[in-house]
């Protein structure tokens, strides 16, 4: 069974709990809005007061450990409930037999709400989508919300022989191990993220790959099918192409036509735009000398 090494999940969890589960108090005890639940109502994860240790996604292990030490002062019971609901989904269980129901207590405990017209999905364009949402603070990817921020780039699993959380040597998802703790988690939170979307929603796709839209992706297999037509009236696709790279697919391509058909069948309007200009500016920050960028000026 192929194995993957993880990074410090527990430290990341505690970092998140102390920073983002309500407002920060000087003594290190978060307070919780919403009457006992951890509620994220359009608040960007990763934007915390200056006296919180660390500052952004992707910080060093040293800063994560500092946050872990700070989190020891968290005495609100809901912090423990959230952590326990997460770990209980997979601890002491077969790492290849996790179910969506295992994560349901966590989903029920944490309420995620993104304002209408501000949801940004992505497929094979994670880096650019995050760069764009980081600049356009009104837009939210899944990783800008509470549960997405916890687990971004992390790997974890359980083992029937121990009650410990394993962060190293967890199995890859494959045909013999299709329900790993990590893959099922992302399926569940992606479904919830899509179900809560409203108004016009956006998806950033990669037109430099073989196909911009794939039904095998999380967006193509989970998110697009969990948009509620009574809440979402339009899906706006941005097909982005690498600066100086090859353009293999576009809004006129067959994969986008397939996406449009799926969306229209769900009674949701569809719009598509190649190389959305504001996102193109973000790409050009790193390649301002490229001819494709000079035409934007």
C-alpha atoms as a PDB file:
ATOM      1  CA  UNK A   1       0.000   0.000   0.000  1.00  0.00           C
ATOM      2  CA  UNK A   2       1.625   3.332  -1.041  1.00  0.00           C
ATOM      3  CA  UNK A   3       2.285   5.641   1.878  1.00  0.00           C
ATOM      4  CA  UNK A   4       2.598   9.394   2.158  1.00  0.00           C
ATOM      5  CA  UNK A   5       4.232  11.465   4.826  1.00  0.00           C
ATOM      6  CA  UNK A   6       2.145  14.155   6.480  1.00  0.00           C
ATOM      7  CA  UNK A   7       2.946  17.392   8.277  1.00  0.00           C
ATOM      8  CA  UNK A   8       1.820  18.325  11.751  1.00  0.00           C
ATOM      9  CA  UNK A   9      -1.960  17.999  11.660  1.00  0.00           C
ATOM     10  CA  UNK A  10      -2.498  18.349  15.394  1.00  0.00           C
ATOM     11  CA  UNK A  11      -0.454  21.522  15.560  1.00  0.00           C
ATOM     12  CA  UNK A  12      -2.387  22.946  12.637  1.00  0.00           C
ATOM     13  CA  UNK A  13      -5.692  22.059  14.267  1.00  0.00           C
ATOM     14  CA  UNK A  14      -4.789  23.787  17.504  1.00  0.00           C
ATOM     15  CA  UNK A  15      -3.429  26.787  15.599  1.00  0.00           C
ATOM     16  CA  UNK A  16      -6.749  27.078  13.787  1.00  0.00           C
ATOM     17  CA  UNK A  17      -8.870  26.641  16.905  1.00  0.00           C
ATOM     18  CA  UNK A  18      -7.150  29.387  18.841  1.00  0.00           C
ATOM     19  CA  UNK A  19      -7.121  31.854  15.961  1.00  0.00           C
ATOM     20  CA  UNK A  20     -10.333  31.307  14.109  1.00  0.00           C
ATOM     21  CA  UNK A  21     -12.952  29.792  16.375  1.00  0.00           C
ATOM     22  CA  UNK A  22     -14.371  33.135  17.399  1.00  0.00           C
ATOM     23  CA  UNK A  23     -12.451  36.210  18.527  1.00  0.00           C
ATOM     24  CA  UNK A  24      -9.091  36.204  20.300  1.00  0.00           C
ATOM     25  CA  UNK A  25      -8.767  37.151  23.969  1.00  0.00           C
ATOM     26  CA  UNK A  26      -5.504  38.271  25.513  1.00  0.00           C
ATOM     27  CA  UNK A  27      -5.375  35.288  27.869  1.00  0.00           C
ATOM     28  CA  UNK A  28      -5.697  32.934  24.929  1.00  0.00           C
ATOM     29  CA  UNK A  29      -9.328  31.881  25.366  1.00  0.00           C
ATOM     30  CA  UNK A  30     -11.471  32.202  22.245  1.00  0.00           C
ATOM     31  CA  UNK A  31     -15.043  33.388  22.622  1.00  0.00           C
ATOM     32  CA  UNK A  32     -17.702  31.854  20.403  1.00  0.00           C
ATOM     33  CA  UNK A  33     -20.511  33.622  18.562  1.00  0.00           C
ATOM     34  CA  UNK A  34     -23.665  31.770  17.623  1.00  0.00           C
ATOM     35  CA  UNK A  35     -24.656  30.181  20.914  1.00  0.00           C
ATOM     36  CA  UNK A  36     -22.187  27.350  21.300  1.00  0.00           C
ATOM     37  CA  UNK A  37     -21.093  26.600  17.751  1.00  0.00           C
ATOM     38  CA  UNK A  38     -17.993  27.705  15.934  1.00  0.00           C
ATOM     39  CA  UNK A  39     -19.452  30.000  13.273  1.00  0.00           C
ATOM     40  CA  UNK A  40     -17.683  31.504  10.278  1.00  0.00           C
ATOM     41  CA  UNK A  41     -19.883  34.150   8.678  1.00  0.00           C
ATOM     42  CA  UNK A  42     -17.920  35.541   5.770  1.00  0.00           C
ATOM     43  CA  UNK A  43     -14.735  35.909   7.814  1.00  0.00           C
ATOM     44  CA  UNK A  44     -11.525  35.182   5.947  1.00  0.00           C
ATOM     45  CA  UNK A  45      -9.418  32.584   7.681  1.00  0.00           C
ATOM     46  CA  UNK A  46      -5.804  33.672   7.826  1.00  0.00           C
ATOM     47  CA  UNK A  47      -6.655  37.255   8.792  1.00  0.00           C
ATOM     48  CA  UNK A  48      -6.103  37.489  12.513  1.00  0.00           C
ATOM     49  CA  UNK A  49      -5.155  40.235  14.991  1.00  0.00           C
ATOM     50  CA  UNK A  50      -1.498  41.204  14.977  1.00  0.00           C
ATOM     51  CA  UNK A  51      -0.902  39.695  18.413  1.00  0.00           C
ATOM     52  CA  UNK A  52      -1.803  36.202  17.205  1.00  0.00           C
ATOM     53  CA  UNK A  53       1.313  34.106  16.518  1.00  0.00           C
ATOM     54  CA  UNK A  54       1.936  33.609  12.807  1.00  0.00           C
ATOM     55  CA  UNK A  55       0.220  35.353   9.948  1.00  0.00           C
ATOM     56  CA  UNK A  56      -0.779  33.267   6.956  1.00  0.00           C
ATOM     57  CA  UNK A  57      -1.215  29.953   5.195  1.00  0.00           C
ATOM     58  CA  UNK A  58       2.034  28.126   4.604  1.00  0.00           C
ATOM     59  CA  UNK A  59       3.910  29.453   7.644  1.00  0.00           C
ATOM     60  CA  UNK A  60       6.872  27.560   9.036  1.00  0.00           C
ATOM     61  CA  UNK A  61       6.732  24.612  11.407  1.00  0.00           C
ATOM     62  CA  UNK A  62       8.366  26.804  14.032  1.00  0.00           C
ATOM     63  CA  UNK A  63       5.459  29.258  13.968  1.00  0.00           C
ATOM     64  CA  UNK A  64       2.948  26.415  14.034  1.00  0.00           C
ATOM     65  CA  UNK A  65       4.613  25.075  17.175  1.00  0.00           C
ATOM     66  CA  UNK A  66       4.431  28.521  18.745  1.00  0.00           C
ATOM     67  CA  UNK A  67       0.721  28.583  18.017  1.00  0.00           C
ATOM     68  CA  UNK A  68       0.373  25.124  19.563  1.00  0.00           C
ATOM     69  CA  UNK A  69       1.938  26.376  22.797  1.00  0.00           C
ATOM     70  CA  UNK A  70      -0.397  29.365  22.780  1.00  0.00           C
ATOM     71  CA  UNK A  71      -3.399  27.125  22.229  1.00  0.00           C
ATOM     72  CA  UNK A  72      -2.839  25.360  25.534  1.00  0.00           C
ATOM     73  CA  UNK A  73      -4.752  28.208  27.177  1.00  0.00           C
ATOM     74  CA  UNK A  74      -7.939  27.434  25.239  1.00  0.00           C
ATOM     75  CA  UNK A  75     -10.524  26.470  27.840  1.00  0.00           C
ATOM     76  CA  UNK A  76     -13.735  26.782  25.834  1.00  0.00           C
ATOM     77  CA  UNK A  77     -15.416  23.394  25.589  1.00  0.00           C
ATOM     78  CA  UNK A  78     -16.324  23.931  21.937  1.00  0.00           C
ATOM     79  CA  UNK A  79     -12.663  23.908  20.965  1.00  0.00           C
ATOM     80  CA  UNK A  80     -12.421  20.418  22.412  1.00  0.00           C
ATOM     81  CA  UNK A  81     -15.670  19.387  20.713  1.00  0.00           C
ATOM     82  CA  UNK A  82     -14.387  20.469  17.312  1.00  0.00           C
ATOM     83  CA  UNK A  83     -11.033  18.754  17.753  1.00  0.00           C
ATOM     84  CA  UNK A  84     -12.662  15.583  19.078  1.00  0.00           C
ATOM     85  CA  UNK A  85     -15.251  15.509  16.284  1.00  0.00           C
ATOM     86  CA  UNK A  86     -12.477  15.729  13.730  1.00  0.00           C
ATOM     87  CA  UNK A  87     -10.195  13.076  15.184  1.00  0.00           C
ATOM     88  CA  UNK A  88     -13.058  10.742  16.095  1.00  0.00           C
ATOM     89  CA  UNK A  89     -13.856  10.440  12.390  1.00  0.00           C
ATOM     90  CA  UNK A  90     -10.738   8.355  11.731  1.00  0.00           C
ATOM     91  CA  UNK A  91      -8.809   7.514  14.928  1.00  0.00           C
ATOM     92  CA  UNK A  92      -8.581   3.754  15.643  1.00  0.00           C
ATOM     93  CA  UNK A  93     -10.230   2.978  12.290  1.00  0.00           C
ATOM     94  CA  UNK A  94      -9.129   1.224   9.132  1.00  0.00           C
ATOM     95  CA  UNK A  95      -7.366   4.002   7.145  1.00  0.00           C
ATOM     96  CA  UNK A  96      -8.990   2.777   3.915  1.00  0.00           C
ATOM     97  CA  UNK A  97     -12.567   2.479   5.206  1.00  0.00           C
ATOM     98  CA  UNK A  98     -13.567   5.951   6.347  1.00  0.00           C
ATOM     99  CA  UNK A  99     -17.124   7.049   5.483  1.00  0.00           C
ATOM    100  CA  UNK A 100     -18.810  10.394   4.927  1.00  0.00           C
ATOM    101  CA  UNK A 101     -20.929   9.669   8.012  1.00  0.00           C
ATOM    102  CA  UNK A 102     -17.760   9.551  10.111  1.00  0.00           C
ATOM    103  CA  UNK A 103     -17.257  13.281   9.501  1.00  0.00           C
ATOM    104  CA  UNK A 104     -20.917  14.262   9.926  1.00  0.00           C
ATOM    105  CA  UNK A 105     -20.573  15.253  13.626  1.00  0.00           C
ATOM    106  CA  UNK A 106     -17.836  17.698  12.613  1.00  0.00           C
ATOM    107  CA  UNK A 107     -19.929  19.128   9.782  1.00  0.00           C
ATOM    108  CA  UNK A 108     -22.869  19.560  12.159  1.00  0.00           C
ATOM    109  CA  UNK A 109     -20.702  21.362  14.690  1.00  0.00           C
ATOM    110  CA  UNK A 110     -18.991  23.872  12.411  1.00  0.00           C
ATOM    111  CA  UNK A 111     -21.168  26.304  10.452  1.00  0.00           C
ATOM    112  CA  UNK A 112     -19.555  27.803   7.361  1.00  0.00           C
ATOM    113  CA  UNK A 113     -21.275  30.702   5.610  1.00  0.00           C
ATOM    114  CA  UNK A 114     -19.860  32.575   2.636  1.00  0.00           C
ATOM    115  CA  UNK A 115     -21.716  35.704   1.427  1.00  0.00           C
ATOM    116  CA  UNK A 116     -23.699  35.339  -1.778  1.00  0.00           C
ATOM    117  CA  UNK A 117     -21.772  36.024  -4.998  1.00  0.00           C
ATOM    118  CA  UNK A 118     -18.421  35.457  -3.260  1.00  0.00           C
ATOM    119  CA  UNK A 119     -17.783  31.712  -3.664  1.00  0.00           C
ATOM    120  CA  UNK A 120     -14.783  30.732  -5.802  1.00  0.00           C
ATOM    121  CA  UNK A 121     -14.263  27.099  -6.759  1.00  0.00           C
ATOM    122  CA  UNK A 122     -11.116  25.935  -8.520  1.00  0.00           C
ATOM    123  CA  UNK A 123      -9.887  22.905 -10.431  1.00  0.00           C
ATOM    124  CA  UNK A 124      -6.219  22.365 -11.261  1.00  0.00           C
ATOM    125  CA  UNK A 125      -5.613  26.034 -10.551  1.00  0.00           C
ATOM    126  CA  UNK A 126      -5.167  26.057  -6.777  1.00  0.00           C
ATOM    127  CA  UNK A 127      -2.189  28.404  -6.574  1.00  0.00           C
ATOM    128  CA  UNK A 128      -3.689  31.076  -8.799  1.00  0.00           C
ATOM    129  CA  UNK A 129      -7.121  30.799  -7.158  1.00  0.00           C
ATOM    130  CA  UNK A 130      -5.569  31.355  -3.745  1.00  0.00           C
ATOM    131  CA  UNK A 131      -3.435  34.227  -4.981  1.00  0.00           C
ATOM    132  CA  UNK A 132      -6.512  35.857  -6.455  1.00  0.00           C
ATOM    133  CA  UNK A 133      -8.717  35.348  -3.385  1.00  0.00           C
ATOM    134  CA  UNK A 134      -5.880  36.634  -1.217  1.00  0.00           C
ATOM    135  CA  UNK A 135      -5.920  39.910  -3.138  1.00  0.00           C
ATOM    136  CA  UNK A 136      -9.668  40.080  -3.716  1.00  0.00           C
ATOM    137  CA  UNK A 137     -10.567  39.697  -0.063  1.00  0.00           C
ATOM    138  CA  UNK A 138     -14.261  39.491  -0.836  1.00  0.00           C
ATOM    139  CA  UNK A 139     -13.817  36.154  -2.656  1.00  0.00           C
ATOM    140  CA  UNK A 140     -13.633  32.870  -0.753  1.00  0.00           C
ATOM    141  CA  UNK A 141     -12.176  29.531  -1.784  1.00  0.00           C
ATOM    142  CA  UNK A 142     -12.829  26.454   0.337  1.00  0.00           C
ATOM    143  CA  UNK A 143      -9.365  26.852   1.843  1.00  0.00           C
ATOM    144  CA  UNK A 144     -10.313  30.356   3.019  1.00  0.00           C
ATOM    145  CA  UNK A 145     -13.010  28.877   5.274  1.00  0.00           C
ATOM    146  CA  UNK A 146     -12.569  27.185   8.625  1.00  0.00           C
ATOM    147  CA  UNK A 147     -12.546  23.506   7.720  1.00  0.00           C
ATOM    148  CA  UNK A 148     -10.668  24.032   4.478  1.00  0.00           C
ATOM    149  CA  UNK A 149      -7.991  26.027   6.250  1.00  0.00           C
ATOM    150  CA  UNK A 150      -7.470  23.324   8.882  1.00  0.00           C
ATOM    151  CA  UNK A 151      -6.545  20.607   6.454  1.00  0.00           C
ATOM    152  CA  UNK A 152      -4.973  22.414   3.507  1.00  0.00           C
ATOM    153  CA  UNK A 153      -1.925  20.431   2.328  1.00  0.00           C
ATOM    154  CA  UNK A 154      -2.087  18.053   5.309  1.00  0.00           C
ATOM    155  CA  UNK A 155      -2.291  14.261   5.435  1.00  0.00           C
ATOM    156  CA  UNK A 156      -3.671  12.170   8.298  1.00  0.00           C
ATOM    157  CA  UNK A 157      -5.107   8.770   9.113  1.00  0.00           C
ATOM    158  CA  UNK A 158      -5.905   6.359  11.921  1.00  0.00           C
ATOM    159  CA  UNK A 159      -4.911   2.792  12.750  1.00  0.00           C
ATOM    160  CA  UNK A 160      -7.097   0.124  14.397  1.00  0.00           C
ATOM    161  CA  UNK A 161      -4.117  -0.840  16.558  1.00  0.00           C
ATOM    162  CA  UNK A 162      -3.731   2.573  18.212  1.00  0.00           C
ATOM    163  CA  UNK A 163      -5.757   5.546  19.420  1.00  0.00           C
ATOM    164  CA  UNK A 164      -3.152   7.996  18.131  1.00  0.00           C
ATOM    165  CA  UNK A 165      -3.505  10.309  15.146  1.00  0.00           C
ATOM    166  CA  UNK A 166      -1.083   9.235  12.448  1.00  0.00           C
ATOM    167  CA  UNK A 167       0.481  12.022  10.431  1.00  0.00           C
ATOM    168  CA  UNK A 168       3.089  10.001   8.573  1.00  0.00           C
ATOM    169  CA  UNK A 169       3.021   6.963   6.307  1.00  0.00           C
ATOM    170  CA  UNK A 170      -0.695   7.154   5.581  1.00  0.00           C
ATOM    171  CA  UNK A 171      -1.993   5.290   2.514  1.00  0.00           C
ATOM    172  CA  UNK A 172      -2.493   7.011  -0.788  1.00  0.00           C
ATOM    173  CA  UNK A 173      -5.962   6.956  -2.261  1.00  0.00           C
ATOM    174  CA  UNK A 174      -6.028   4.275  -4.964  1.00  0.00           C
ATOM    175  CA  UNK A 175      -8.257   1.508  -6.331  1.00  0.00           C
ATOM    176  CA  UNK A 176      -7.449  -0.662  -3.309  1.00  0.00           C
ATOM    177  CA  UNK A 177      -7.864   2.154  -0.805  1.00  0.00           C
ATOM    178  CA  UNK A 178     -10.514   4.552  -2.084  1.00  0.00           C
ATOM    179  CA  UNK A 179     -11.842   5.909   1.224  1.00  0.00           C
ATOM    180  CA  UNK A 180      -8.905   7.429   3.052  1.00  0.00           C
ATOM    181  CA  UNK A 181      -9.422   9.837   5.946  1.00  0.00           C
ATOM    182  CA  UNK A 182      -8.069  12.734   3.897  1.00  0.00           C
ATOM    183  CA  UNK A 183      -9.966  12.060   0.659  1.00  0.00           C
ATOM    184  CA  UNK A 184     -13.302  11.513   2.400  1.00  0.00           C
ATOM    185  CA  UNK A 185     -12.816  14.692   4.426  1.00  0.00           C
ATOM    186  CA  UNK A 186     -12.328  16.758   1.262  1.00  0.00           C
ATOM    187  CA  UNK A 187     -15.353  15.179  -0.372  1.00  0.00           C
ATOM    188  CA  UNK A 188     -17.522  16.018   2.627  1.00  0.00           C
ATOM    189  CA  UNK A 189     -16.351  19.604   3.105  1.00  0.00           C
ATOM    190  CA  UNK A 190     -16.419  20.277  -0.651  1.00  0.00           C
ATOM    191  CA  UNK A 191     -20.022  19.110  -0.777  1.00  0.00           C
ATOM    192  CA  UNK A 192     -20.929  21.337   2.159  1.00  0.00           C
ATOM    193  CA  UNK A 193     -19.115  24.296   0.594  1.00  0.00           C
ATOM    194  CA  UNK A 194     -21.084  23.888  -2.641  1.00  0.00           C
ATOM    195  CA  UNK A 195     -24.407  23.375  -0.880  1.00  0.00           C
ATOM    196  CA  UNK A 196     -24.001  26.648   1.007  1.00  0.00           C
ATOM    197  CA  UNK A 197     -23.123  28.727  -2.081  1.00  0.00           C
ATOM    198  CA  UNK A 198     -25.614  31.287  -3.355  1.00  0.00           C
ATOM    199  CA  UNK A 199     -26.108  33.904  -6.054  1.00  0.00           C
ATOM    200  CA  UNK A 200     -23.465  33.898  -8.785  1.00  0.00           C
ATOM    201  CA  UNK A 201     -20.623  31.473  -8.083  1.00  0.00           C
ATOM    202  CA  UNK A 202     -17.280  31.300  -9.835  1.00  0.00           C
ATOM    203  CA  UNK A 203     -14.859  28.565 -10.821  1.00  0.00           C
ATOM    204  CA  UNK A 204     -11.265  29.034 -11.932  1.00  0.00           C
ATOM    205  CA  UNK A 205     -10.160  26.373 -14.417  1.00  0.00           C
ATOM    206  CA  UNK A 206      -6.816  25.583 -16.047  1.00  0.00           C
ATOM    207  CA  UNK A 207      -6.888  25.894 -19.811  1.00  0.00           C
ATOM    208  CA  UNK A 208      -3.235  24.904 -20.160  1.00  0.00           C
ATOM    209  CA  UNK A 209      -3.961  21.328 -19.143  1.00  0.00           C
ATOM    210  CA  UNK A 210      -5.400  18.630 -21.360  1.00  0.00           C
ATOM    211  CA  UNK A 211      -8.953  19.623 -20.424  1.00  0.00           C
ATOM    212  CA  UNK A 212     -10.128  22.632 -18.444  1.00  0.00           C
ATOM    213  CA  UNK A 213     -13.049  20.728 -16.923  1.00  0.00           C
ATOM    214  CA  UNK A 214     -12.903  17.128 -15.744  1.00  0.00           C
ATOM    215  CA  UNK A 215     -15.714  15.098 -14.214  1.00  0.00           C
ATOM    216  CA  UNK A 216     -13.032  13.225 -12.268  1.00  0.00           C
ATOM    217  CA  UNK A 217     -12.007  16.348 -10.331  1.00  0.00           C
ATOM    218  CA  UNK A 218     -13.515  17.356  -6.999  1.00  0.00           C
ATOM    219  CA  UNK A 219     -15.258  20.257  -8.704  1.00  0.00           C
ATOM    220  CA  UNK A 220     -16.542  18.040 -11.523  1.00  0.00           C
ATOM    221  CA  UNK A 221     -17.626  15.105  -9.374  1.00  0.00           C
ATOM    222  CA  UNK A 222     -18.778  16.764  -6.147  1.00  0.00           C
ATOM    223  CA  UNK A 223     -19.132  20.529  -6.126  1.00  0.00           C
ATOM    224  CA  UNK A 224     -20.939  21.225  -9.387  1.00  0.00           C
ATOM    225  CA  UNK A 225     -23.557  18.568  -8.588  1.00  0.00           C
ATOM    226  CA  UNK A 226     -24.223  20.039  -5.144  1.00  0.00           C
ATOM    227  CA  UNK A 227     -25.016  23.583  -6.273  1.00  0.00           C
ATOM    228  CA  UNK A 228     -28.662  24.220  -5.392  1.00  0.00           C
ATOM    229  CA  UNK A 229     -30.613  25.829  -8.266  1.00  0.00           C
ATOM    230  CA  UNK A 230     -32.897  27.542  -5.759  1.00  0.00           C
ATOM    231  CA  UNK A 231     -29.853  29.262  -4.254  1.00  0.00           C
ATOM    232  CA  UNK A 232     -27.414  29.560  -7.183  1.00  0.00           C
ATOM    233  CA  UNK A 233     -28.602  31.234 -10.382  1.00  0.00           C
ATOM    234  CA  UNK A 234     -25.310  31.505 -12.338  1.00  0.00           C
ATOM    235  CA  UNK A 235     -21.981  29.684 -12.591  1.00  0.00           C
ATOM    236  CA  UNK A 236     -19.262  31.864 -14.109  1.00  0.00           C
ATOM    237  CA  UNK A 237     -16.193  29.968 -15.324  1.00  0.00           C
ATOM    238  CA  UNK A 238     -12.787  31.579 -15.772  1.00  0.00           C
ATOM    239  CA  UNK A 239     -10.516  29.507 -18.010  1.00  0.00           C
ATOM    240  CA  UNK A 240      -6.990  30.665 -17.242  1.00  0.00           C
ATOM    241  CA  UNK A 241      -3.868  29.893 -19.256  1.00  0.00           C
ATOM    242  CA  UNK A 242      -0.276  29.829 -18.046  1.00  0.00           C
ATOM    243  CA  UNK A 243       1.759  32.903 -18.930  1.00  0.00           C
ATOM    244  CA  UNK A 244       4.030  31.843 -21.777  1.00  0.00           C
ATOM    245  CA  UNK A 245       2.440  28.393 -21.761  1.00  0.00           C
ATOM    246  CA  UNK A 246       0.338  26.398 -24.168  1.00  0.00           C
ATOM    247  CA  UNK A 247      -3.398  26.971 -24.520  1.00  0.00           C
ATOM    248  CA  UNK A 248      -4.942  23.510 -24.807  1.00  0.00           C
ATOM    249  CA  UNK A 249      -8.536  24.299 -23.851  1.00  0.00           C
ATOM    250  CA  UNK A 250     -10.798  27.327 -23.759  1.00  0.00           C
ATOM    251  CA  UNK A 251     -14.383  28.434 -23.346  1.00  0.00           C
ATOM    252  CA  UNK A 252     -15.024  27.058 -26.827  1.00  0.00           C
ATOM    253  CA  UNK A 253     -13.596  23.631 -26.004  1.00  0.00           C
ATOM    254  CA  UNK A 254     -15.543  20.397 -25.595  1.00  0.00           C
ATOM    255  CA  UNK A 255     -14.904  20.098 -21.853  1.00  0.00           C
ATOM    256  CA  UNK A 256     -16.444  23.512 -21.193  1.00  0.00           C
ATOM    257  CA  UNK A 257     -19.394  22.591 -23.372  1.00  0.00           C
ATOM    258  CA  UNK A 258     -19.828  19.522 -21.168  1.00  0.00           C
ATOM    259  CA  UNK A 259     -19.711  21.694 -18.047  1.00  0.00           C
ATOM    260  CA  UNK A 260     -22.260  24.076 -19.541  1.00  0.00           C
ATOM    261  CA  UNK A 261     -24.575  21.157 -20.297  1.00  0.00           C
ATOM    262  CA  UNK A 262     -24.336  19.860 -16.727  1.00  0.00           C
ATOM    263  CA  UNK A 263     -25.012  23.295 -15.267  1.00  0.00           C
ATOM    264  CA  UNK A 264     -27.886  24.108 -17.609  1.00  0.00           C
ATOM    265  CA  UNK A 265     -29.532  20.761 -16.869  1.00  0.00           C
ATOM    266  CA  UNK A 266     -29.551  21.845 -13.232  1.00  0.00           C
ATOM    267  CA  UNK A 267     -31.393  25.037 -14.219  1.00  0.00           C
ATOM    268  CA  UNK A 268     -28.375  27.219 -13.531  1.00  0.00           C
ATOM    269  CA  UNK A 269     -27.137  29.794 -16.056  1.00  0.00           C
ATOM    270  CA  UNK A 270     -23.594  29.470 -17.351  1.00  0.00           C
ATOM    271  CA  UNK A 271     -21.037  32.071 -18.403  1.00  0.00           C
ATOM    272  CA  UNK A 272     -17.437  31.531 -19.466  1.00  0.00           C
ATOM    273  CA  UNK A 273     -14.504  33.873 -19.894  1.00  0.00           C
ATOM    274  CA  UNK A 274     -10.987  33.088 -21.080  1.00  0.00           C
ATOM    275  CA  UNK A 275      -8.150  34.649 -19.084  1.00  0.00           C
ATOM    276  CA  UNK A 276     -10.271  36.757 -16.728  1.00  0.00           C
ATOM    277  CA  UNK A 277      -8.462  40.080 -16.694  1.00  0.00           C
ATOM    278  CA  UNK A 278      -8.118  40.682 -12.905  1.00  0.00           C
ATOM    279  CA  UNK A 279      -6.748  37.142 -12.439  1.00  0.00           C
ATOM    280  CA  UNK A 280      -4.449  37.688 -15.426  1.00  0.00           C
ATOM    281  CA  UNK A 281      -2.961  40.693 -13.650  1.00  0.00           C
ATOM    282  CA  UNK A 282      -2.163  38.411 -10.700  1.00  0.00           C
ATOM    283  CA  UNK A 283      -0.348  36.021 -13.041  1.00  0.00           C
ATOM    284  CA  UNK A 284       1.604  38.877 -14.590  1.00  0.00           C
ATOM    285  CA  UNK A 285       3.015  40.048 -11.275  1.00  0.00           C
ATOM    286  CA  UNK A 286       5.613  37.281 -11.623  1.00  0.00           C
ATOM    287  CA  UNK A 287       6.077  37.614 -15.397  1.00  0.00           C
ATOM    288  CA  UNK A 288       5.654  41.340 -16.178  1.00  0.00           C
ATOM    289  CA  UNK A 289       8.128  41.157 -19.072  1.00  0.00           C
ATOM    290  CA  UNK A 290       6.163  38.503 -20.946  1.00  0.00           C
ATOM    291  CA  UNK A 291       4.479  39.752 -24.160  1.00  0.00           C
ATOM    292  CA  UNK A 292       1.163  38.366 -22.938  1.00  0.00           C
ATOM    293  CA  UNK A 293       1.377  40.731 -19.984  1.00  0.00           C
ATOM    294  CA  UNK A 294       2.474  43.829 -21.837  1.00  0.00           C
ATOM    295  CA  UNK A 295      -0.852  43.875 -23.685  1.00  0.00           C
ATOM    296  CA  UNK A 296      -2.688  44.289 -20.363  1.00  0.00           C
ATOM    297  CA  UNK A 297      -1.076  47.636 -19.664  1.00  0.00           C
END
